[in-house]
Amino acid sequence: MAESLGYHYDRTLLRRGAYTPEGYDEADMSQLLIRRTLTEVLLGIRPIPIRVVEVPCTEEPEDSEAPSPETGGENSKTKNGPS
């Protein structure tokens, strides 16, 4: 295939691994990047970025506790003592 495209490689050179397809090189480089980044995360050098995209809405139950003294509920006198 190389000869049909105008490239001339010696068979010995190819057998010894002097030539590797670009895809192999890209795969090796991406694996190296993943390993380095993971190592930095595990060593505490690099943080894992976290982004909150939606905060769940929680509704208060209908049978909630008595209102707090700040809101002027009935139990505000008993909690703070007699007036």
PDB file of N, CA and C in Angstrom:
ATOM      1  N   MET A   1       0.822  -1.174   0.000  1.00  0.00           N
ATOM      2  CA  MET A   1       0.000   0.000   0.000  1.00  0.00           C
ATOM      3  C   MET A   1       0.877   1.252   0.000  1.00  0.00           C
ATOM      4  N   ALA A   2       1.973   1.221   0.758  1.00  0.00           N
ATOM      5  CA  ALA A   2       2.853   2.380   0.825  1.00  0.00           C
ATOM      6  C   ALA A   2       3.451   2.694  -0.542  1.00  0.00           C
ATOM      7  N   GLU A   3       3.838   1.667  -1.262  1.00  0.00           N
ATOM      8  CA  GLU A   3       4.429   1.891  -2.583  1.00  0.00           C
ATOM      9  C   GLU A   3       3.422   2.480  -3.556  1.00  0.00           C
ATOM     10  N   SER A   4       2.175   2.053  -3.469  1.00  0.00           N
ATOM     11  CA  SER A   4       1.159   2.598  -4.375  1.00  0.00           C
ATOM     12  C   SER A   4       0.899   4.075  -4.079  1.00  0.00           C
ATOM     13  N   LEU A   5       1.188   4.522  -2.852  1.00  0.00           N
ATOM     14  CA  LEU A   5       1.022   5.930  -2.480  1.00  0.00           C
ATOM     15  C   LEU A   5       2.303   6.745  -2.656  1.00  0.00           C
ATOM     16  N   GLY A   6       3.364   6.078  -3.091  1.00  0.00           N
ATOM     17  CA  GLY A   6       4.610   6.792  -3.349  1.00  0.00           C
ATOM     18  C   GLY A   6       5.592   6.783  -2.195  1.00  0.00           C
ATOM     19  N   TYR A   7       5.340   5.974  -1.167  1.00  0.00           N
ATOM     20  CA  TYR A   7       6.263   5.861  -0.041  1.00  0.00           C
ATOM     21  C   TYR A   7       7.090   4.597  -0.221  1.00  0.00           C
ATOM     22  N   HIS A   8       8.356   4.681   0.105  1.00  0.00           N
ATOM     23  CA  HIS A   8       9.236   3.521  -0.035  1.00  0.00           C
ATOM     24  C   HIS A   8       9.855   3.209   1.318  1.00  0.00           C
ATOM     25  N   TYR A   9       9.464   2.061   1.890  1.00  0.00           N
ATOM     26  CA  TYR A   9       9.989   1.630   3.164  1.00  0.00           C
ATOM     27  C   TYR A   9      10.696   0.304   2.970  1.00  0.00           C
ATOM     28  N   ASP A  10      11.829   0.156   3.633  1.00  0.00           N
ATOM     29  CA  ASP A  10      12.568  -1.102   3.622  1.00  0.00           C
ATOM     30  C   ASP A  10      11.841  -2.081   4.539  1.00  0.00           C
ATOM     31  N   ARG A  11      11.702  -3.335   4.128  1.00  0.00           N
ATOM     32  CA  ARG A  11      10.988  -4.322   4.934  1.00  0.00           C
ATOM     33  C   ARG A  11      11.632  -4.499   6.310  1.00  0.00           C
ATOM     34  N   THR A  12      12.942  -4.440   6.365  1.00  0.00           N
ATOM     35  CA  THR A  12      13.638  -4.580   7.648  1.00  0.00           C
ATOM     36  C   THR A  12      13.272  -3.434   8.581  1.00  0.00           C
ATOM     37  N   LEU A  13      13.185  -2.255   8.039  1.00  0.00           N
ATOM     38  CA  LEU A  13      12.811  -1.076   8.823  1.00  0.00           C
ATOM     39  C   LEU A  13      11.392  -1.245   9.386  1.00  0.00           C
ATOM     40  N   LEU A  14      10.500  -1.759   8.579  1.00  0.00           N
ATOM     41  CA  LEU A  14       9.122  -1.969   9.029  1.00  0.00           C
ATOM     42  C   LEU A  14       9.038  -3.058  10.105  1.00  0.00           C
ATOM     43  N   ARG A  15       9.806  -4.115   9.942  1.00  0.00           N
ATOM     44  CA  ARG A  15       9.778  -5.219  10.907  1.00  0.00           C
ATOM     45  C   ARG A  15      10.324  -4.808  12.266  1.00  0.00           C
ATOM     46  N   ARG A  16      11.294  -3.922  12.284  1.00  0.00           N
ATOM     47  CA  ARG A  16      11.899  -3.491  13.545  1.00  0.00           C
ATOM     48  C   ARG A  16      11.031  -2.465  14.278  1.00  0.00           C
ATOM     49  N   GLY A  17       9.978  -2.031  13.671  1.00  0.00           N
ATOM     50  CA  GLY A  17       9.066  -1.125  14.338  1.00  0.00           C
ATOM     51  C   GLY A  17       9.401   0.344  14.174  1.00  0.00           C
ATOM     52  N   ALA A  18      10.219   0.665  13.193  1.00  0.00           N
ATOM     53  CA  ALA A  18      10.552   2.064  12.966  1.00  0.00           C
ATOM     54  C   ALA A  18       9.352   2.817  12.408  1.00  0.00           C
ATOM     55  N   TYR A  19       8.444   2.089  11.828  1.00  0.00           N
ATOM     56  CA  TYR A  19       7.235   2.712  11.289  1.00  0.00           C
ATOM     57  C   TYR A  19       6.048   2.213  12.091  1.00  0.00           C
ATOM     58  N   THR A  20       5.230   3.125  12.562  1.00  0.00           N
ATOM     59  CA  THR A  20       3.978   2.757  13.209  1.00  0.00           C
ATOM     60  C   THR A  20       2.887   3.653  12.661  1.00  0.00           C
ATOM     61  N   PRO A  21       1.703   3.132  12.465  1.00  0.00           N
ATOM     62  CA  PRO A  21       0.604   3.955  11.974  1.00  0.00           C
ATOM     63  C   PRO A  21       0.287   5.092  12.954  1.00  0.00           C
ATOM     64  N   GLU A  22      -0.215   6.211  12.435  1.00  0.00           N
ATOM     65  CA  GLU A  22      -0.525   7.371  13.266  1.00  0.00           C
ATOM     66  C   GLU A  22      -1.575   7.036  14.320  1.00  0.00           C
ATOM     67  N   GLY A  23      -2.497   6.169  14.002  1.00  0.00           N
ATOM     68  CA  GLY A  23      -3.533   5.792  14.962  1.00  0.00           C
ATOM     69  C   GLY A  23      -2.960   5.153  16.212  1.00  0.00           C
ATOM     70  N   TYR A  24      -1.908   4.344  16.048  1.00  0.00           N
ATOM     71  CA  TYR A  24      -1.263   3.728  17.205  1.00  0.00           C
ATOM     72  C   TYR A  24      -0.630   4.793  18.089  1.00  0.00           C
ATOM     73  N   ASP A  25       0.015   5.762  17.470  1.00  0.00           N
ATOM     74  CA  ASP A  25       0.653   6.839  18.214  1.00  0.00           C
ATOM     75  C   ASP A  25      -0.383   7.669  18.963  1.00  0.00           C
ATOM     76  N   GLU A  26      -1.505   7.967  18.310  1.00  0.00           N
ATOM     77  CA  GLU A  26      -2.560   8.745  18.965  1.00  0.00           C
ATOM     78  C   GLU A  26      -3.142   7.987  20.153  1.00  0.00           C
ATOM     79  N   ALA A  27      -3.332   6.686  20.005  1.00  0.00           N
ATOM     80  CA  ALA A  27      -3.863   5.877  21.108  1.00  0.00           C
ATOM     81  C   ALA A  27      -2.889   5.855  22.274  1.00  0.00           C
ATOM     82  N   ASP A  28      -1.609   5.697  21.978  1.00  0.00           N
ATOM     83  CA  ASP A  28      -0.596   5.699  23.039  1.00  0.00           C
ATOM     84  C   ASP A  28      -0.550   7.041  23.763  1.00  0.00           C
ATOM     85  N   MET A  29      -0.639   8.129  23.028  1.00  0.00           N
ATOM     86  CA  MET A  29      -0.589   9.452  23.646  1.00  0.00           C
ATOM     87  C   MET A  29      -1.821   9.708  24.504  1.00  0.00           C
ATOM     88  N   SER A  30      -2.999   9.285  24.048  1.00  0.00           N
ATOM     89  CA  SER A  30      -4.205   9.504  24.847  1.00  0.00           C
ATOM     90  C   SER A  30      -4.174   8.654  26.116  1.00  0.00           C
ATOM     91  N   GLN A  31      -3.664   7.438  26.033  1.00  0.00           N
ATOM     92  CA  GLN A  31      -3.545   6.602  27.222  1.00  0.00           C
ATOM     93  C   GLN A  31      -2.546   7.197  28.211  1.00  0.00           C
ATOM     94  N   LEU A  32      -1.471   7.758  27.707  1.00  0.00           N
ATOM     95  CA  LEU A  32      -0.482   8.404  28.571  1.00  0.00           C
ATOM     96  C   LEU A  32      -1.093   9.605  29.284  1.00  0.00           C
ATOM     97  N   LEU A  33      -1.871  10.401  28.573  1.00  0.00           N
ATOM     98  CA  LEU A  33      -2.532  11.556  29.179  1.00  0.00           C
ATOM     99  C   LEU A  33      -3.510  11.122  30.264  1.00  0.00           C
ATOM    100  N   ILE A  34      -4.278  10.083  30.001  1.00  0.00           N
ATOM    101  CA  ILE A  34      -5.236   9.571  30.989  1.00  0.00           C
ATOM    102  C   ILE A  34      -4.499   9.080  32.230  1.00  0.00           C
ATOM    103  N   ARG A  35      -3.420   8.333  32.039  1.00  0.00           N
ATOM    104  CA  ARG A  35      -2.669   7.813  33.187  1.00  0.00           C
ATOM    105  C   ARG A  35      -2.060   8.936  34.012  1.00  0.00           C
ATOM    106  N   ARG A  36      -1.484   9.942  33.342  1.00  0.00           N
ATOM    107  CA  ARG A  36      -0.886  11.068  34.071  1.00  0.00           C
ATOM    108  C   ARG A  36      -1.936  11.842  34.854  1.00  0.00           C
ATOM    109  N   THR A  37      -3.062  12.126  34.232  1.00  0.00           N
ATOM    110  CA  THR A  37      -4.116  12.894  34.896  1.00  0.00           C
ATOM    111  C   THR A  37      -4.689  12.115  36.076  1.00  0.00           C
ATOM    112  N   LEU A  38      -4.933  10.836  35.904  1.00  0.00           N
ATOM    113  CA  LEU A  38      -5.448  10.011  36.992  1.00  0.00           C
ATOM    114  C   LEU A  38      -4.453   9.956  38.140  1.00  0.00           C
ATOM    115  N   THR A  39      -3.182   9.843  37.839  1.00  0.00           N
ATOM    116  CA  THR A  39      -2.156   9.837  38.874  1.00  0.00           C
ATOM    117  C   THR A  39      -2.170  11.146  39.654  1.00  0.00           C
ATOM    118  N   GLU A  40      -2.306  12.279  38.952  1.00  0.00           N
ATOM    119  CA  GLU A  40      -2.355  13.575  39.625  1.00  0.00           C
ATOM    120  C   GLU A  40      -3.585  13.681  40.523  1.00  0.00           C
ATOM    121  N   VAL A  41      -4.715  13.153  40.087  1.00  0.00           N
ATOM    122  CA  VAL A  41      -5.933  13.180  40.907  1.00  0.00           C
ATOM    123  C   VAL A  41      -5.735  12.332  42.156  1.00  0.00           C
ATOM    124  N   LEU A  42      -5.198  11.132  41.996  1.00  0.00           N
ATOM    125  CA  LEU A  42      -5.019  10.231  43.130  1.00  0.00           C
ATOM    126  C   LEU A  42      -3.983  10.737  44.117  1.00  0.00           C
ATOM    127  N   LEU A  43      -3.002  11.495  43.641  1.00  0.00           N
ATOM    128  CA  LEU A  43      -1.985  12.060  44.533  1.00  0.00           C
ATOM    129  C   LEU A  43      -2.429  13.372  45.170  1.00  0.00           C
ATOM    130  N   GLY A  44      -3.580  13.876  44.769  1.00  0.00           N
ATOM    131  CA  GLY A  44      -4.084  15.121  45.336  1.00  0.00           C
ATOM    132  C   GLY A  44      -3.514  16.368  44.691  1.00  0.00           C
ATOM    133  N   ILE A  45      -2.843  16.219  43.559  1.00  0.00           N
ATOM    134  CA  ILE A  45      -2.265  17.361  42.853  1.00  0.00           C
ATOM    135  C   ILE A  45      -3.332  18.085  42.048  1.00  0.00           C
ATOM    136  N   ARG A  46      -4.222  17.330  41.442  1.00  0.00           N
ATOM    137  CA  ARG A  46      -5.271  17.898  40.591  1.00  0.00           C
ATOM    138  C   ARG A  46      -6.640  17.544  41.163  1.00  0.00           C
ATOM    139  N   PRO A  47      -7.514  18.546  41.341  1.00  0.00           N
ATOM    140  CA  PRO A  47      -8.856  18.238  41.845  1.00  0.00           C
ATOM    141  C   PRO A  47      -9.757  17.722  40.729  1.00  0.00           C
ATOM    142  N   ILE A  48     -10.817  17.060  41.124  1.00  0.00           N
ATOM    143  CA  ILE A  48     -11.825  16.627  40.166  1.00  0.00           C
ATOM    144  C   ILE A  48     -12.852  17.748  40.076  1.00  0.00           C
ATOM    145  N   PRO A  49     -13.015  18.361  38.919  1.00  0.00           N
ATOM    146  CA  PRO A  49     -13.994  19.453  38.824  1.00  0.00           C
ATOM    147  C   PRO A  49     -15.421  18.916  38.910  1.00  0.00           C
ATOM    148  N   ILE A  50     -16.226  19.582  39.726  1.00  0.00           N
ATOM    149  CA  ILE A  50     -17.621  19.185  39.906  1.00  0.00           C
ATOM    150  C   ILE A  50     -18.491  20.407  39.667  1.00  0.00           C
ATOM    151  N   ARG A  51     -19.538  20.240  38.891  1.00  0.00           N
ATOM    152  CA  ARG A  51     -20.457  21.338  38.606  1.00  0.00           C
ATOM    153  C   ARG A  51     -21.878  20.868  38.879  1.00  0.00           C
ATOM    154  N   VAL A  52     -22.577  21.615  39.726  1.00  0.00           N
ATOM    155  CA  VAL A  52     -23.973  21.296  40.032  1.00  0.00           C
ATOM    156  C   VAL A  52     -24.825  21.890  38.923  1.00  0.00           C
ATOM    157  N   VAL A  53     -25.602  21.049  38.273  1.00  0.00           N
ATOM    158  CA  VAL A  53     -26.429  21.534  37.173  1.00  0.00           C
ATOM    159  C   VAL A  53     -27.875  21.729  37.582  1.00  0.00           C
ATOM    160  N   GLU A  54     -28.317  21.045  38.634  1.00  0.00           N
ATOM    161  CA  GLU A  54     -29.686  21.214  39.087  1.00  0.00           C
ATOM    162  C   GLU A  54     -29.758  20.824  40.559  1.00  0.00           C
ATOM    163  N   VAL A  55     -30.336  21.699  41.363  1.00  0.00           N
ATOM    164  CA  VAL A  55     -30.518  21.417  42.777  1.00  0.00           C
ATOM    165  C   VAL A  55     -31.935  20.900  42.959  1.00  0.00           C
ATOM    166  N   PRO A  56     -32.097  19.709  43.525  1.00  0.00           N
ATOM    167  CA  PRO A  56     -33.448  19.176  43.679  1.00  0.00           C
ATOM    168  C   PRO A  56     -34.238  20.010  44.679  1.00  0.00           C
ATOM    169  N   CYS A  57     -35.497  20.216  44.402  1.00  0.00           N
ATOM    170  CA  CYS A  57     -36.376  20.979  45.262  1.00  0.00           C
ATOM    171  C   CYS A  57     -36.973  20.032  46.295  1.00  0.00           C
ATOM    172  N   THR A  58     -36.797  20.356  47.568  1.00  0.00           N
ATOM    173  CA  THR A  58     -37.377  19.527  48.607  1.00  0.00           C
ATOM    174  C   THR A  58     -38.505  20.296  49.269  1.00  0.00           C
ATOM    175  N   GLU A  59     -39.632  19.650  49.393  1.00  0.00           N
ATOM    176  CA  GLU A  59     -40.785  20.271  50.019  1.00  0.00           C
ATOM    177  C   GLU A  59     -40.798  19.901  51.489  1.00  0.00           C
ATOM    178  N   GLU A  60     -41.238  20.843  52.337  1.00  0.00           N
ATOM    179  CA  GLU A  60     -41.342  20.556  53.757  1.00  0.00           C
ATOM    180  C   GLU A  60     -42.575  19.696  53.985  1.00  0.00           C
ATOM    181  N   PRO A  61     -42.511  18.752  54.922  1.00  0.00           N
ATOM    182  CA  PRO A  61     -43.690  17.923  55.203  1.00  0.00           C
ATOM    183  C   PRO A  61     -44.790  18.773  55.822  1.00  0.00           C
ATOM    184  N   GLU A  62     -46.029  18.348  55.614  1.00  0.00           N
ATOM    185  CA  GLU A  62     -47.184  19.097  56.116  1.00  0.00           C
ATOM    186  C   GLU A  62     -47.216  19.131  57.636  1.00  0.00           C
ATOM    187  N   ASP A  63     -46.840  18.054  58.304  1.00  0.00           N
ATOM    188  CA  ASP A  63     -46.837  17.998  59.763  1.00  0.00           C
ATOM    189  C   ASP A  63     -45.470  18.422  60.278  1.00  0.00           C
ATOM    190  N   SER A  64     -45.104  19.653  60.019  1.00  0.00           N
ATOM    191  CA  SER A  64     -43.811  20.132  60.469  1.00  0.00           C
ATOM    192  C   SER A  64     -43.876  20.470  61.944  1.00  0.00           C
ATOM    193  N   GLU A  65     -42.718  20.674  62.550  1.00  0.00           N
ATOM    194  CA  GLU A  65     -42.652  21.011  63.970  1.00  0.00           C
ATOM    195  C   GLU A  65     -43.280  22.373  64.205  1.00  0.00           C
ATOM    196  N   ALA A  66     -43.465  22.716  65.457  1.00  0.00           N
ATOM    197  CA  ALA A  66     -44.055  24.005  65.810  1.00  0.00           C
ATOM    198  C   ALA A  66     -43.182  25.133  65.292  1.00  0.00           C
ATOM    199  N   PRO A  67     -43.757  26.270  64.986  1.00  0.00           N
ATOM    200  CA  PRO A  67     -42.978  27.397  64.488  1.00  0.00           C
ATOM    201  C   PRO A  67     -41.926  27.818  65.491  1.00  0.00           C
ATOM    202  N   SER A  68     -40.825  28.295  64.994  1.00  0.00           N
ATOM    203  CA  SER A  68     -39.727  28.710  65.859  1.00  0.00           C
ATOM    204  C   SER A  68     -40.057  30.040  66.521  1.00  0.00           C
ATOM    205  N   PRO A  69     -39.353  30.412  67.600  1.00  0.00           N
ATOM    206  CA  PRO A  69     -39.604  31.683  68.282  1.00  0.00           C
ATOM    207  C   PRO A  69     -39.418  32.886  67.365  1.00  0.00           C
ATOM    208  N   GLU A  70     -38.556  32.756  66.378  1.00  0.00           N
ATOM    209  CA  GLU A  70     -38.318  33.859  65.467  1.00  0.00           C
ATOM    210  C   GLU A  70     -39.558  34.189  64.638  1.00  0.00           C
ATOM    211  N   THR A  71     -40.390  33.176  64.389  1.00  0.00           N
ATOM    212  CA  THR A  71     -41.595  33.407  63.586  1.00  0.00           C
ATOM    213  C   THR A  71     -42.786  33.769  64.437  1.00  0.00           C
ATOM    214  N   GLY A  72     -42.640  33.787  65.772  1.00  0.00           N
ATOM    215  CA  GLY A  72     -43.734  34.199  66.650  1.00  0.00           C
ATOM    216  C   GLY A  72     -44.778  33.141  66.847  1.00  0.00           C
ATOM    217  N   GLY A  73     -44.381  31.893  66.908  1.00  0.00           N
ATOM    218  CA  GLY A  73     -45.328  30.816  67.088  1.00  0.00           C
ATOM    219  C   GLY A  73     -45.841  30.738  68.512  1.00  0.00           C
ATOM    220  N   GLU A  74     -46.802  29.850  68.740  1.00  0.00           N
ATOM    221  CA  GLU A  74     -47.430  29.701  70.050  1.00  0.00           C
ATOM    222  C   GLU A  74     -46.438  29.247  71.102  1.00  0.00           C
ATOM    223  N   ASN A  75     -45.481  28.417  70.731  1.00  0.00           N
ATOM    224  CA  ASN A  75     -44.570  27.832  71.701  1.00  0.00           C
ATOM    225  C   ASN A  75     -43.398  28.745  72.019  1.00  0.00           C
ATOM    226  N   SER A  76     -43.413  29.971  71.551  1.00  0.00           N
ATOM    227  CA  SER A  76     -42.263  30.822  71.782  1.00  0.00           C
ATOM    228  C   SER A  76     -42.114  31.184  73.263  1.00  0.00           C
ATOM    229  N   LYS A  77     -43.222  31.269  74.023  1.00  0.00           N
ATOM    230  CA  LYS A  77     -43.146  31.620  75.448  1.00  0.00           C
ATOM    231  C   LYS A  77     -42.625  30.439  76.251  1.00  0.00           C
ATOM    232  N   THR A  78     -43.054  29.246  75.926  1.00  0.00           N
ATOM    233  CA  THR A  78     -42.638  28.088  76.711  1.00  0.00           C
ATOM    234  C   THR A  78     -41.188  27.742  76.437  1.00  0.00           C
ATOM    235  N   LYS A  79     -40.706  27.961  75.251  1.00  0.00           N
ATOM    236  CA  LYS A  79     -39.316  27.646  74.943  1.00  0.00           C
ATOM    237  C   LYS A  79     -38.374  28.641  75.591  1.00  0.00           C
ATOM    238  N   ASN A  80     -38.768  29.900  75.675  1.00  0.00           N
ATOM    239  CA  ASN A  80     -37.901  30.917  76.234  1.00  0.00           C
ATOM    240  C   ASN A  80     -38.154  31.140  77.719  1.00  0.00           C
ATOM    241  N   GLY A  81     -39.086  30.435  78.268  1.00  0.00           N
ATOM    242  CA  GLY A  81     -39.421  30.602  79.672  1.00  0.00           C
ATOM    243  C   GLY A  81     -40.601  31.557  79.826  1.00  0.00           C
ATOM    244  N   PRO A  82     -41.095  31.722  81.074  1.00  0.00           N
ATOM    245  CA  PRO A  82     -42.242  32.606  81.291  1.00  0.00           C
ATOM    246  C   PRO A  82     -41.879  34.058  81.062  1.00  0.00           C
ATOM    247  N   SER A  83     -42.889  34.850  80.631  1.00  0.00           N
ATOM    248  CA  SER A  83     -42.642  36.268  80.372  1.00  0.00           C
ATOM    249  C   SER A  83     -42.978  37.103  81.580  1.00  0.00           C
TER     250      SER A  83
END
